[in-house]
Amino acid sequence: MGKLRPCVAEAIGTFALIFVGIGAIKAAGSDLLAVALAHGLTIAVFVSATGHISGGHLNPAVTFGALVGGKIKPADALFYWISQLAGAYLAGLACLAIFNRDVVVTGTPQLASVSATQGVVIEAILTFFLVFVVYGTAIDARGPKIGGLAIGLTVTLDILFGGPLTGAAMNPARVFGPALAANFWTGHAVYWIGPLVGGAVAGALYKTLFLSQR
């Protein structure tokens, strides 16, 4: 039960993000603020709900950043990744059953008016912001304990910038789950390379410059 509880929490939280994200994009269409708030509020709520159980990562890039920073063991990180991707896939399947493939594809972050290289850079920077805030408000014991609010707001502001460019996934699971459910892999590598690089840099930087000062 020691590993089961956090893994189930990670799967549930990631499921919620992908499920709400696809549904919000269907409902809101081109309303960027509505889409950003839907994702940000979901993260705020479920990070707060799962933080005391699993740390509320809900994102392979966040887990990778925690791993690079020495805040999670490699074996636990592997279990988290499996749980997050499984939750994302189940959310993709649920949306596929409720809506149709076109809705799931439309609800999957995609490149728009930027190259793959630009997409990787954008996703890396946005994910750096996210993981840095995770460290500063959730991992670092000195940080303000404000639940998932700051993390959710970071997701919101990242989408306001990156939504029209890359979809602002900041999260490989956010793309993997719908992609697997709908068999849609266009530009998929961007959403692994960018977030993992951004998360790793944030984890290494925070560990080296800030945690070392404690």
N, C-alpha and C. Protein backbone atom coordinates (compact mmCIF):
# COMPACT_ATOMS: atom_id res chain seq x y z
N MET A 1 0.82 -1.22 0.00
CA MET A 1 0.00 0.00 0.00
C MET A 1 0.86 1.27 0.00
N GLY A 2 2.14 1.12 0.38
CA GLY A 2 2.99 2.29 0.47
C GLY A 2 3.13 3.03 -0.85
N LYS A 3 3.32 2.28 -1.94
CA LYS A 3 3.45 2.91 -3.25
C LYS A 3 2.12 3.08 -3.95
N LEU A 4 1.14 2.26 -3.57
CA LEU A 4 -0.14 2.28 -4.27
C LEU A 4 -0.86 3.61 -4.09
N ARG A 5 -0.91 4.10 -2.88
CA ARG A 5 -1.67 5.33 -2.62
C ARG A 5 -1.16 6.52 -3.43
N PRO A 6 0.13 6.83 -3.39
CA PRO A 6 0.59 7.97 -4.19
C PRO A 6 0.42 7.75 -5.69
N CYS A 7 0.57 6.51 -6.14
CA CYS A 7 0.42 6.24 -7.57
C CYS A 7 -1.03 6.44 -8.02
N VAL A 8 -1.97 5.99 -7.21
CA VAL A 8 -3.38 6.20 -7.53
C VAL A 8 -3.71 7.69 -7.51
N ALA A 9 -3.16 8.40 -6.54
CA ALA A 9 -3.39 9.85 -6.47
C ALA A 9 -2.85 10.54 -7.72
N GLU A 10 -1.67 10.16 -8.16
CA GLU A 10 -1.09 10.74 -9.37
C GLU A 10 -1.94 10.43 -10.60
N ALA A 11 -2.45 9.21 -10.68
CA ALA A 11 -3.29 8.83 -11.82
C ALA A 11 -4.59 9.63 -11.83
N ILE A 12 -5.21 9.78 -10.67
CA ILE A 12 -6.48 10.52 -10.58
C ILE A 12 -6.28 11.98 -10.96
N GLY A 13 -5.25 12.61 -10.40
CA GLY A 13 -5.01 14.01 -10.68
C GLY A 13 -4.68 14.26 -12.14
N THR A 14 -3.89 13.37 -12.73
CA THR A 14 -3.55 13.54 -14.14
C THR A 14 -4.76 13.28 -15.02
N PHE A 15 -5.57 12.30 -14.65
CA PHE A 15 -6.82 12.05 -15.37
C PHE A 15 -7.67 13.31 -15.39
N ALA A 16 -7.80 13.95 -14.24
CA ALA A 16 -8.64 15.15 -14.14
C ALA A 16 -8.15 16.25 -15.07
N LEU A 17 -6.82 16.45 -15.11
CA LEU A 17 -6.27 17.50 -15.96
C LEU A 17 -6.59 17.27 -17.43
N ILE A 18 -6.37 16.06 -17.91
CA ILE A 18 -6.59 15.77 -19.32
C ILE A 18 -8.08 15.78 -19.64
N PHE A 19 -8.89 15.22 -18.77
CA PHE A 19 -10.34 15.15 -18.99
C PHE A 19 -10.94 16.55 -19.06
N VAL A 20 -10.64 17.37 -18.08
CA VAL A 20 -11.17 18.74 -18.06
C VAL A 20 -10.58 19.55 -19.21
N GLY A 21 -9.29 19.34 -19.49
CA GLY A 21 -8.65 20.10 -20.55
C GLY A 21 -9.30 19.89 -21.90
N ILE A 22 -9.54 18.64 -22.26
CA ILE A 22 -10.18 18.35 -23.54
C ILE A 22 -11.59 18.91 -23.57
N GLY A 23 -12.33 18.70 -22.49
CA GLY A 23 -13.71 19.20 -22.44
C GLY A 23 -13.78 20.71 -22.49
N ALA A 24 -12.83 21.37 -21.83
CA ALA A 24 -12.82 22.83 -21.82
C ALA A 24 -12.51 23.39 -23.20
N ILE A 25 -11.58 22.75 -23.91
CA ILE A 25 -11.25 23.22 -25.26
C ILE A 25 -12.44 23.04 -26.19
N LYS A 26 -13.18 21.95 -26.00
CA LYS A 26 -14.39 21.75 -26.81
C LYS A 26 -15.42 22.83 -26.51
N ALA A 27 -15.61 23.13 -25.22
CA ALA A 27 -16.64 24.08 -24.82
C ALA A 27 -16.25 25.52 -25.11
N ALA A 28 -14.99 25.85 -24.87
CA ALA A 28 -14.55 27.26 -24.96
C ALA A 28 -14.05 27.64 -26.33
N GLY A 29 -13.63 26.67 -27.12
CA GLY A 29 -13.14 26.97 -28.45
C GLY A 29 -11.93 27.89 -28.43
N SER A 30 -12.04 29.06 -29.01
CA SER A 30 -10.91 29.99 -29.11
C SER A 30 -10.80 30.95 -27.93
N ASP A 31 -11.60 30.74 -26.90
CA ASP A 31 -11.54 31.59 -25.71
C ASP A 31 -10.33 31.18 -24.86
N LEU A 32 -9.20 31.81 -25.11
CA LEU A 32 -7.94 31.42 -24.49
C LEU A 32 -8.00 31.53 -22.97
N LEU A 33 -8.61 32.59 -22.46
CA LEU A 33 -8.67 32.77 -21.01
C LEU A 33 -9.45 31.64 -20.36
N ALA A 34 -10.56 31.25 -20.95
CA ALA A 34 -11.36 30.16 -20.39
C ALA A 34 -10.57 28.85 -20.37
N VAL A 35 -9.86 28.58 -21.46
CA VAL A 35 -9.06 27.35 -21.52
C VAL A 35 -7.94 27.40 -20.47
N ALA A 36 -7.29 28.54 -20.35
CA ALA A 36 -6.20 28.69 -19.38
C ALA A 36 -6.71 28.50 -17.95
N LEU A 37 -7.85 29.10 -17.65
CA LEU A 37 -8.41 28.98 -16.31
C LEU A 37 -8.86 27.55 -16.01
N ALA A 38 -9.42 26.89 -17.01
CA ALA A 38 -9.86 25.50 -16.80
C ALA A 38 -8.68 24.61 -16.41
N HIS A 39 -7.58 24.75 -17.13
CA HIS A 39 -6.40 23.95 -16.79
C HIS A 39 -5.80 24.39 -15.45
N GLY A 40 -5.68 25.70 -15.25
CA GLY A 40 -5.08 26.19 -14.02
C GLY A 40 -5.88 25.84 -12.78
N LEU A 41 -7.20 25.95 -12.87
CA LEU A 41 -8.04 25.61 -11.73
C LEU A 41 -7.99 24.11 -11.43
N THR A 42 -7.96 23.30 -12.47
CA THR A 42 -7.89 21.86 -12.26
C THR A 42 -6.59 21.49 -11.55
N ILE A 43 -5.49 22.08 -12.00
CA ILE A 43 -4.21 21.82 -11.35
C ILE A 43 -4.23 22.33 -9.91
N ALA A 44 -4.75 23.52 -9.68
CA ALA A 44 -4.79 24.08 -8.33
C ALA A 44 -5.55 23.17 -7.38
N VAL A 45 -6.70 22.69 -7.84
CA VAL A 45 -7.54 21.85 -7.00
C VAL A 45 -6.89 20.49 -6.74
N PHE A 46 -6.39 19.85 -7.77
CA PHE A 46 -5.89 18.49 -7.61
C PHE A 46 -4.47 18.43 -7.04
N VAL A 47 -3.66 19.46 -7.24
CA VAL A 47 -2.39 19.52 -6.52
C VAL A 47 -2.66 19.67 -5.03
N SER A 48 -3.63 20.51 -4.68
CA SER A 48 -4.00 20.67 -3.28
C SER A 48 -4.54 19.38 -2.68
N ALA A 49 -5.32 18.64 -3.49
CA ALA A 49 -5.95 17.41 -2.99
C ALA A 49 -4.97 16.25 -2.87
N THR A 50 -3.92 16.25 -3.70
CA THR A 50 -2.99 15.11 -3.71
C THR A 50 -1.63 15.44 -3.14
N GLY A 51 -1.39 16.70 -2.83
CA GLY A 51 -0.06 17.10 -2.37
C GLY A 51 0.41 16.33 -1.15
N HIS A 52 -0.48 16.09 -0.20
CA HIS A 52 -0.09 15.39 1.03
C HIS A 52 0.01 13.89 0.84
N ILE A 53 -0.43 13.40 -0.31
CA ILE A 53 -0.38 11.96 -0.59
C ILE A 53 0.82 11.62 -1.46
N SER A 54 0.98 12.38 -2.55
CA SER A 54 2.02 12.05 -3.52
C SER A 54 2.96 13.20 -3.82
N GLY A 55 2.65 14.37 -3.31
CA GLY A 55 3.40 15.58 -3.70
C GLY A 55 2.70 16.34 -4.80
N GLY A 56 1.65 15.73 -5.40
CA GLY A 56 0.86 16.41 -6.41
C GLY A 56 1.64 16.78 -7.65
N HIS A 57 2.43 15.86 -8.17
CA HIS A 57 3.20 16.15 -9.38
C HIS A 57 2.29 16.25 -10.61
N LEU A 58 1.54 15.19 -10.88
CA LEU A 58 0.56 15.13 -11.97
C LEU A 58 1.18 15.44 -13.33
N ASN A 59 2.46 15.19 -13.47
CA ASN A 59 3.19 15.63 -14.66
C ASN A 59 4.56 14.94 -14.67
N PRO A 60 4.87 14.16 -15.70
CA PRO A 60 6.19 13.52 -15.76
C PRO A 60 7.35 14.51 -15.73
N ALA A 61 7.15 15.71 -16.25
CA ALA A 61 8.22 16.71 -16.23
C ALA A 61 8.48 17.23 -14.82
N VAL A 62 7.42 17.38 -14.03
CA VAL A 62 7.59 17.78 -12.63
C VAL A 62 8.31 16.67 -11.87
N THR A 63 7.91 15.44 -12.10
CA THR A 63 8.59 14.31 -11.45
C THR A 63 10.05 14.25 -11.85
N PHE A 64 10.34 14.50 -13.13
CA PHE A 64 11.73 14.49 -13.60
C PHE A 64 12.53 15.61 -12.94
N GLY A 65 11.91 16.78 -12.81
CA GLY A 65 12.57 17.88 -12.12
C GLY A 65 12.86 17.55 -10.66
N ALA A 66 11.91 16.86 -10.01
CA ALA A 66 12.12 16.44 -8.62
C ALA A 66 13.23 15.39 -8.54
N LEU A 67 13.28 14.52 -9.55
CA LEU A 67 14.33 13.49 -9.58
C LEU A 67 15.71 14.13 -9.75
N VAL A 68 15.83 15.06 -10.68
CA VAL A 68 17.11 15.74 -10.90
C VAL A 68 17.54 16.50 -9.65
N GLY A 69 16.58 17.05 -8.94
CA GLY A 69 16.89 17.79 -7.72
C GLY A 69 17.06 16.92 -6.49
N GLY A 70 16.96 15.61 -6.67
CA GLY A 70 17.16 14.69 -5.55
C GLY A 70 16.00 14.61 -4.58
N LYS A 71 14.80 14.97 -5.05
CA LYS A 71 13.64 14.99 -4.16
C LYS A 71 12.70 13.79 -4.34
N ILE A 72 13.08 12.85 -5.19
CA ILE A 72 12.33 11.62 -5.33
C ILE A 72 13.31 10.54 -5.78
N LYS A 73 13.09 9.32 -5.32
CA LYS A 73 13.97 8.22 -5.70
C LYS A 73 13.65 7.76 -7.12
N PRO A 74 14.65 7.25 -7.84
CA PRO A 74 14.40 6.81 -9.21
C PRO A 74 13.28 5.79 -9.34
N ALA A 75 13.20 4.82 -8.44
CA ALA A 75 12.14 3.81 -8.52
C ALA A 75 10.77 4.44 -8.33
N ASP A 76 10.68 5.38 -7.38
CA ASP A 76 9.40 6.05 -7.16
C ASP A 76 9.03 6.91 -8.36
N ALA A 77 10.02 7.56 -8.97
CA ALA A 77 9.75 8.37 -10.16
C ALA A 77 9.19 7.50 -11.27
N LEU A 78 9.74 6.31 -11.44
CA LEU A 78 9.25 5.40 -12.48
C LEU A 78 7.79 5.05 -12.24
N PHE A 79 7.45 4.74 -11.00
CA PHE A 79 6.05 4.42 -10.67
C PHE A 79 5.14 5.63 -10.92
N TYR A 80 5.63 6.81 -10.60
CA TYR A 80 4.84 8.03 -10.85
C TYR A 80 4.60 8.20 -12.34
N TRP A 81 5.65 8.02 -13.15
CA TRP A 81 5.49 8.20 -14.60
C TRP A 81 4.46 7.23 -15.16
N ILE A 82 4.54 5.98 -14.73
CA ILE A 82 3.57 4.99 -15.21
C ILE A 82 2.16 5.40 -14.82
N SER A 83 1.99 5.84 -13.59
CA SER A 83 0.67 6.23 -13.09
C SER A 83 0.13 7.45 -13.82
N GLN A 84 0.98 8.44 -14.04
CA GLN A 84 0.56 9.66 -14.74
C GLN A 84 0.15 9.35 -16.17
N LEU A 85 0.93 8.56 -16.87
CA LEU A 85 0.62 8.23 -18.26
C LEU A 85 -0.63 7.36 -18.35
N ALA A 86 -0.80 6.48 -17.38
CA ALA A 86 -2.00 5.64 -17.36
C ALA A 86 -3.24 6.49 -17.13
N GLY A 87 -3.17 7.42 -16.18
CA GLY A 87 -4.29 8.31 -15.93
C GLY A 87 -4.63 9.16 -17.14
N ALA A 88 -3.59 9.63 -17.83
CA ALA A 88 -3.80 10.44 -19.02
C ALA A 88 -4.46 9.63 -20.14
N TYR A 89 -4.02 8.40 -20.30
CA TYR A 89 -4.60 7.53 -21.34
C TYR A 89 -6.07 7.23 -21.04
N LEU A 90 -6.37 6.95 -19.79
CA LEU A 90 -7.77 6.68 -19.43
C LEU A 90 -8.63 7.91 -19.67
N ALA A 91 -8.09 9.09 -19.41
CA ALA A 91 -8.85 10.32 -19.68
C ALA A 91 -9.09 10.48 -21.17
N GLY A 92 -8.07 10.16 -21.97
CA GLY A 92 -8.24 10.22 -23.42
C GLY A 92 -9.30 9.26 -23.90
N LEU A 93 -9.31 8.06 -23.34
CA LEU A 93 -10.33 7.07 -23.70
C LEU A 93 -11.72 7.54 -23.28
N ALA A 94 -11.81 8.13 -22.09
CA ALA A 94 -13.11 8.61 -21.61
C ALA A 94 -13.66 9.70 -22.52
N CYS A 95 -12.80 10.62 -22.92
CA CYS A 95 -13.24 11.69 -23.83
C CYS A 95 -13.58 11.14 -25.20
N LEU A 96 -12.85 10.12 -25.62
CA LEU A 96 -13.15 9.49 -26.91
C LEU A 96 -14.53 8.85 -26.88
N ALA A 97 -14.89 8.26 -25.75
CA ALA A 97 -16.20 7.62 -25.61
C ALA A 97 -17.32 8.65 -25.49
N ILE A 98 -17.06 9.75 -24.80
CA ILE A 98 -18.08 10.77 -24.59
C ILE A 98 -18.29 11.62 -25.84
N PHE A 99 -17.19 11.99 -26.47
CA PHE A 99 -17.25 12.88 -27.64
C PHE A 99 -16.95 12.06 -28.90
N ASN A 100 -15.85 12.35 -29.54
CA ASN A 100 -15.40 11.58 -30.70
C ASN A 100 -13.92 11.88 -30.92
N ARG A 101 -13.33 11.23 -31.91
CA ARG A 101 -11.91 11.38 -32.13
C ARG A 101 -11.53 12.83 -32.47
N ASP A 102 -12.35 13.51 -33.25
CA ASP A 102 -12.03 14.88 -33.64
C ASP A 102 -11.92 15.79 -32.42
N VAL A 103 -12.79 15.60 -31.44
CA VAL A 103 -12.74 16.41 -30.23
C VAL A 103 -11.47 16.13 -29.45
N VAL A 104 -11.09 14.87 -29.36
CA VAL A 104 -9.87 14.50 -28.63
C VAL A 104 -8.65 15.07 -29.33
N VAL A 105 -8.61 14.98 -30.65
CA VAL A 105 -7.48 15.52 -31.41
C VAL A 105 -7.40 17.03 -31.23
N THR A 106 -8.54 17.70 -31.34
CA THR A 106 -8.57 19.16 -31.17
C THR A 106 -8.15 19.56 -29.77
N GLY A 107 -8.46 18.72 -28.79
CA GLY A 107 -8.11 19.00 -27.41
C GLY A 107 -6.70 18.62 -27.02
N THR A 108 -5.93 18.14 -27.99
CA THR A 108 -4.53 17.78 -27.75
C THR A 108 -3.63 18.95 -28.17
N PRO A 109 -2.73 19.40 -27.29
CA PRO A 109 -1.83 20.50 -27.67
C PRO A 109 -1.09 20.22 -28.97
N GLN A 110 -1.03 21.24 -29.83
CA GLN A 110 -0.40 21.09 -31.15
C GLN A 110 0.35 22.37 -31.49
N LEU A 111 1.33 22.22 -32.37
CA LEU A 111 2.09 23.38 -32.83
C LEU A 111 1.25 24.22 -33.77
N ALA A 112 1.35 25.54 -33.62
CA ALA A 112 0.63 26.45 -34.50
C ALA A 112 1.52 27.65 -34.80
N SER A 113 1.90 27.81 -36.03
CA SER A 113 2.71 28.94 -36.50
C SER A 113 4.12 28.98 -35.91
N VAL A 114 4.58 27.87 -35.34
CA VAL A 114 5.96 27.79 -34.87
C VAL A 114 6.55 26.47 -35.36
N SER A 115 7.87 26.44 -35.49
CA SER A 115 8.56 25.22 -35.90
C SER A 115 8.69 24.26 -34.72
N ALA A 116 9.12 23.05 -35.00
CA ALA A 116 9.32 22.07 -33.93
C ALA A 116 10.40 22.56 -32.97
N THR A 117 11.46 23.14 -33.51
CA THR A 117 12.53 23.66 -32.65
C THR A 117 12.03 24.78 -31.76
N GLN A 118 11.28 25.71 -32.35
CA GLN A 118 10.69 26.78 -31.54
C GLN A 118 9.74 26.22 -30.50
N GLY A 119 9.00 25.19 -30.88
CA GLY A 119 8.08 24.56 -29.94
C GLY A 119 8.80 23.96 -28.76
N VAL A 120 9.92 23.31 -29.02
CA VAL A 120 10.71 22.73 -27.92
C VAL A 120 11.19 23.83 -26.98
N VAL A 121 11.67 24.93 -27.53
CA VAL A 121 12.16 26.03 -26.70
C VAL A 121 11.02 26.62 -25.86
N ILE A 122 9.88 26.84 -26.48
CA ILE A 122 8.73 27.40 -25.75
C ILE A 122 8.30 26.47 -24.63
N GLU A 123 8.14 25.20 -24.95
CA GLU A 123 7.71 24.23 -23.93
C GLU A 123 8.74 24.11 -22.82
N ALA A 124 10.01 24.19 -23.16
CA ALA A 124 11.05 24.10 -22.13
C ALA A 124 10.99 25.30 -21.18
N ILE A 125 10.83 26.48 -21.72
CA ILE A 125 10.77 27.68 -20.88
C ILE A 125 9.52 27.68 -20.00
N LEU A 126 8.38 27.36 -20.59
CA LEU A 126 7.15 27.33 -19.82
C LEU A 126 7.20 26.28 -18.71
N THR A 127 7.80 25.14 -19.01
CA THR A 127 7.90 24.08 -18.00
C THR A 127 8.92 24.45 -16.93
N PHE A 128 9.98 25.16 -17.34
CA PHE A 128 10.92 25.67 -16.35
C PHE A 128 10.20 26.54 -15.33
N PHE A 129 9.37 27.46 -15.81
CA PHE A 129 8.59 28.30 -14.90
C PHE A 129 7.77 27.44 -13.94
N LEU A 130 7.09 26.46 -14.50
CA LEU A 130 6.20 25.61 -13.70
C LEU A 130 6.97 24.86 -12.63
N VAL A 131 8.05 24.19 -13.01
CA VAL A 131 8.79 23.38 -12.04
C VAL A 131 9.51 24.26 -11.02
N PHE A 132 9.97 25.43 -11.45
CA PHE A 132 10.58 26.36 -10.50
C PHE A 132 9.56 26.76 -9.42
N VAL A 133 8.33 27.04 -9.84
CA VAL A 133 7.29 27.40 -8.87
C VAL A 133 6.94 26.20 -7.99
N VAL A 134 6.92 25.01 -8.55
CA VAL A 134 6.68 23.81 -7.74
C VAL A 134 7.72 23.71 -6.64
N TYR A 135 8.98 23.90 -7.00
CA TYR A 135 10.05 23.87 -5.99
C TYR A 135 9.85 24.97 -4.95
N GLY A 136 9.58 26.18 -5.42
CA GLY A 136 9.52 27.31 -4.51
C GLY A 136 8.33 27.31 -3.58
N THR A 137 7.24 26.66 -3.99
CA THR A 137 6.03 26.73 -3.16
C THR A 137 5.57 25.38 -2.60
N ALA A 138 6.14 24.28 -3.10
CA ALA A 138 5.69 22.98 -2.63
C ALA A 138 6.83 22.10 -2.12
N ILE A 139 7.96 22.10 -2.80
CA ILE A 139 9.06 21.21 -2.40
C ILE A 139 9.94 21.84 -1.32
N ASP A 140 10.30 23.08 -1.50
CA ASP A 140 11.14 23.78 -0.53
C ASP A 140 10.33 24.06 0.73
N ALA A 141 10.79 23.52 1.85
CA ALA A 141 10.05 23.67 3.11
C ALA A 141 9.96 25.11 3.57
N ARG A 142 10.83 25.98 3.06
CA ARG A 142 10.80 27.38 3.47
C ARG A 142 9.74 28.18 2.72
N GLY A 143 9.24 27.63 1.63
CA GLY A 143 8.31 28.35 0.78
C GLY A 143 6.93 28.51 1.41
N PRO A 144 6.14 29.45 0.91
CA PRO A 144 4.79 29.64 1.43
C PRO A 144 3.92 28.44 1.10
N LYS A 145 3.18 27.97 2.07
CA LYS A 145 2.33 26.80 1.86
C LYS A 145 0.93 27.29 1.44
N ILE A 146 0.78 27.45 0.16
CA ILE A 146 -0.49 27.98 -0.37
C ILE A 146 -1.17 26.96 -1.28
N GLY A 147 -0.98 25.69 -0.91
CA GLY A 147 -1.62 24.63 -1.68
C GLY A 147 -1.18 24.65 -3.12
N GLY A 148 -2.10 24.36 -4.01
CA GLY A 148 -1.77 24.34 -5.43
C GLY A 148 -2.02 25.66 -6.12
N LEU A 149 -2.36 26.71 -5.36
CA LEU A 149 -2.76 27.98 -5.98
C LEU A 149 -1.67 28.53 -6.90
N ALA A 150 -0.46 28.66 -6.38
CA ALA A 150 0.61 29.24 -7.19
C ALA A 150 0.92 28.35 -8.40
N ILE A 151 0.87 27.05 -8.21
CA ILE A 151 1.15 26.14 -9.32
C ILE A 151 0.05 26.24 -10.37
N GLY A 152 -1.19 26.29 -9.93
CA GLY A 152 -2.30 26.45 -10.87
C GLY A 152 -2.24 27.77 -11.61
N LEU A 153 -1.86 28.83 -10.91
CA LEU A 153 -1.74 30.13 -11.57
C LEU A 153 -0.61 30.14 -12.58
N THR A 154 0.46 29.40 -12.29
CA THR A 154 1.56 29.31 -13.25
C THR A 154 1.11 28.62 -14.53
N VAL A 155 0.34 27.54 -14.38
CA VAL A 155 -0.22 26.87 -15.55
C VAL A 155 -1.08 27.84 -16.35
N THR A 156 -1.87 28.63 -15.65
CA THR A 156 -2.75 29.60 -16.32
C THR A 156 -1.95 30.62 -17.11
N LEU A 157 -0.97 31.22 -16.49
CA LEU A 157 -0.19 32.26 -17.19
C LEU A 157 0.63 31.66 -18.32
N ASP A 158 1.12 30.44 -18.14
CA ASP A 158 1.86 29.78 -19.22
C ASP A 158 0.97 29.54 -20.44
N ILE A 159 -0.28 29.14 -20.20
CA ILE A 159 -1.20 28.90 -21.32
C ILE A 159 -1.57 30.21 -22.00
N LEU A 160 -1.69 31.27 -21.23
CA LEU A 160 -2.01 32.56 -21.84
C LEU A 160 -0.93 32.99 -22.82
N PHE A 161 0.30 32.61 -22.54
CA PHE A 161 1.39 32.91 -23.48
C PHE A 161 1.50 31.85 -24.56
N GLY A 162 1.61 30.60 -24.15
CA GLY A 162 1.95 29.54 -25.09
C GLY A 162 0.80 28.83 -25.75
N GLY A 163 -0.42 29.05 -25.26
CA GLY A 163 -1.57 28.37 -25.85
C GLY A 163 -1.69 28.55 -27.35
N PRO A 164 -1.58 29.78 -27.86
CA PRO A 164 -1.71 29.98 -29.31
C PRO A 164 -0.51 29.48 -30.11
N LEU A 165 0.58 29.09 -29.44
CA LEU A 165 1.80 28.70 -30.13
C LEU A 165 2.02 27.19 -30.14
N THR A 166 1.94 26.60 -28.95
CA THR A 166 2.19 25.15 -28.82
C THR A 166 1.05 24.42 -28.12
N GLY A 167 0.08 25.18 -27.63
CA GLY A 167 -0.93 24.58 -26.76
C GLY A 167 -0.51 24.59 -25.31
N ALA A 168 0.77 24.95 -25.06
CA ALA A 168 1.30 25.06 -23.69
C ALA A 168 0.99 23.83 -22.86
N ALA A 169 1.49 22.69 -23.29
CA ALA A 169 1.25 21.45 -22.56
C ALA A 169 2.01 21.43 -21.24
N MET A 170 3.32 21.73 -21.30
CA MET A 170 4.20 21.71 -20.12
C MET A 170 4.20 20.34 -19.44
N ASN A 171 3.71 19.33 -20.13
CA ASN A 171 3.40 18.06 -19.47
C ASN A 171 3.29 16.97 -20.54
N PRO A 172 4.26 16.06 -20.62
CA PRO A 172 4.17 14.99 -21.62
C PRO A 172 2.88 14.18 -21.55
N ALA A 173 2.37 13.98 -20.35
CA ALA A 173 1.13 13.20 -20.19
C ALA A 173 -0.06 13.91 -20.82
N ARG A 174 -0.03 15.24 -20.82
CA ARG A 174 -1.14 16.02 -21.38
C ARG A 174 -1.30 15.75 -22.87
N VAL A 175 -0.21 15.36 -23.53
CA VAL A 175 -0.25 15.05 -24.96
C VAL A 175 -0.30 13.55 -25.20
N PHE A 176 0.42 12.79 -24.37
CA PHE A 176 0.51 11.34 -24.59
C PHE A 176 -0.84 10.64 -24.46
N GLY A 177 -1.60 10.97 -23.42
CA GLY A 177 -2.87 10.28 -23.20
C GLY A 177 -3.84 10.42 -24.36
N PRO A 178 -4.15 11.66 -24.77
CA PRO A 178 -5.03 11.83 -25.93
C PRO A 178 -4.44 11.27 -27.22
N ALA A 179 -3.11 11.40 -27.38
CA ALA A 179 -2.47 10.89 -28.60
C ALA A 179 -2.62 9.39 -28.71
N LEU A 180 -2.43 8.68 -27.60
CA LEU A 180 -2.57 7.23 -27.62
C LEU A 180 -4.02 6.82 -27.85
N ALA A 181 -4.94 7.52 -27.19
CA ALA A 181 -6.35 7.18 -27.34
C ALA A 181 -6.86 7.43 -28.75
N ALA A 182 -6.39 8.52 -29.38
CA ALA A 182 -6.89 8.91 -30.70
C ALA A 182 -5.93 8.55 -31.84
N ASN A 183 -4.79 7.96 -31.48
CA ASN A 183 -3.76 7.63 -32.47
C ASN A 183 -3.37 8.87 -33.28
N PHE A 184 -2.97 9.91 -32.55
CA PHE A 184 -2.60 11.19 -33.16
C PHE A 184 -1.24 11.60 -32.62
N TRP A 185 -0.20 11.51 -33.46
CA TRP A 185 1.16 11.69 -32.98
C TRP A 185 1.89 12.86 -33.63
N THR A 186 1.20 13.76 -34.26
CA THR A 186 1.84 14.89 -34.93
C THR A 186 2.63 15.76 -33.94
N GLY A 187 3.90 15.95 -34.21
CA GLY A 187 4.73 16.81 -33.36
C GLY A 187 4.92 16.29 -31.96
N HIS A 188 4.71 15.02 -31.75
CA HIS A 188 4.66 14.47 -30.39
C HIS A 188 5.97 14.66 -29.62
N ALA A 189 7.09 14.51 -30.30
CA ALA A 189 8.38 14.57 -29.61
C ALA A 189 8.61 15.92 -28.94
N VAL A 190 8.04 16.97 -29.51
CA VAL A 190 8.21 18.31 -28.93
C VAL A 190 7.76 18.33 -27.47
N TYR A 191 6.69 17.59 -27.18
CA TYR A 191 6.06 17.66 -25.86
C TYR A 191 6.69 16.71 -24.85
N TRP A 192 7.69 15.98 -25.27
CA TRP A 192 8.54 15.23 -24.36
C TRP A 192 9.87 15.98 -24.16
N ILE A 193 10.50 16.36 -25.26
CA ILE A 193 11.81 16.99 -25.16
C ILE A 193 11.74 18.31 -24.40
N GLY A 194 10.85 19.20 -24.82
CA GLY A 194 10.76 20.52 -24.19
C GLY A 194 10.47 20.45 -22.69
N PRO A 195 9.38 19.83 -22.28
CA PRO A 195 9.07 19.78 -20.85
C PRO A 195 10.12 19.07 -20.00
N LEU A 196 10.68 17.97 -20.50
CA LEU A 196 11.68 17.26 -19.71
C LEU A 196 12.95 18.08 -19.55
N VAL A 197 13.35 18.77 -20.59
CA VAL A 197 14.53 19.64 -20.49
C VAL A 197 14.25 20.80 -19.52
N GLY A 198 13.10 21.45 -19.69
CA GLY A 198 12.76 22.55 -18.81
C GLY A 198 12.65 22.13 -17.36
N GLY A 199 12.02 20.98 -17.12
CA GLY A 199 11.89 20.48 -15.75
C GLY A 199 13.24 20.13 -15.14
N ALA A 200 14.12 19.51 -15.94
CA ALA A 200 15.44 19.14 -15.44
C ALA A 200 16.27 20.37 -15.08
N VAL A 201 16.24 21.39 -15.94
CA VAL A 201 17.01 22.61 -15.68
C VAL A 201 16.50 23.29 -14.41
N ALA A 202 15.18 23.36 -14.25
CA ALA A 202 14.62 23.98 -13.05
C ALA A 202 15.02 23.22 -11.80
N GLY A 203 14.94 21.89 -11.85
CA GLY A 203 15.31 21.08 -10.70
C GLY A 203 16.77 21.23 -10.33
N ALA A 204 17.64 21.20 -11.35
CA ALA A 204 19.07 21.32 -11.09
C ALA A 204 19.43 22.72 -10.57
N LEU A 205 18.83 23.73 -11.17
CA LEU A 205 19.12 25.11 -10.76
C LEU A 205 18.64 25.38 -9.34
N TYR A 206 17.43 24.95 -9.03
CA TYR A 206 16.90 25.21 -7.68
C TYR A 206 17.72 24.47 -6.64
N LYS A 207 18.07 23.23 -6.94
CA LYS A 207 18.88 22.45 -6.00
C LYS A 207 20.23 23.11 -5.77
N THR A 208 20.88 23.56 -6.83
CA THR A 208 22.23 24.09 -6.75
C THR A 208 22.29 25.47 -6.12
N LEU A 209 21.38 26.36 -6.52
CA LEU A 209 21.47 27.75 -6.09
C LEU A 209 20.66 28.08 -4.84
N PHE A 210 19.57 27.35 -4.62
CA PHE A 210 18.66 27.75 -3.56
C PHE A 210 18.58 26.75 -2.41
N LEU A 211 18.41 25.47 -2.72
CA LEU A 211 18.36 24.49 -1.64
C LEU A 211 19.69 24.36 -0.94
N SER A 212 20.78 24.59 -1.68
CA SER A 212 22.12 24.47 -1.08
C SER A 212 22.39 25.57 -0.08
N GLN A 213 21.57 26.64 -0.07
CA GLN A 213 21.76 27.76 0.86
C GLN A 213 21.06 27.56 2.18
N ARG A 214 20.33 26.46 2.32
CA ARG A 214 19.58 26.23 3.55
C ARG A 214 20.50 25.96 4.72
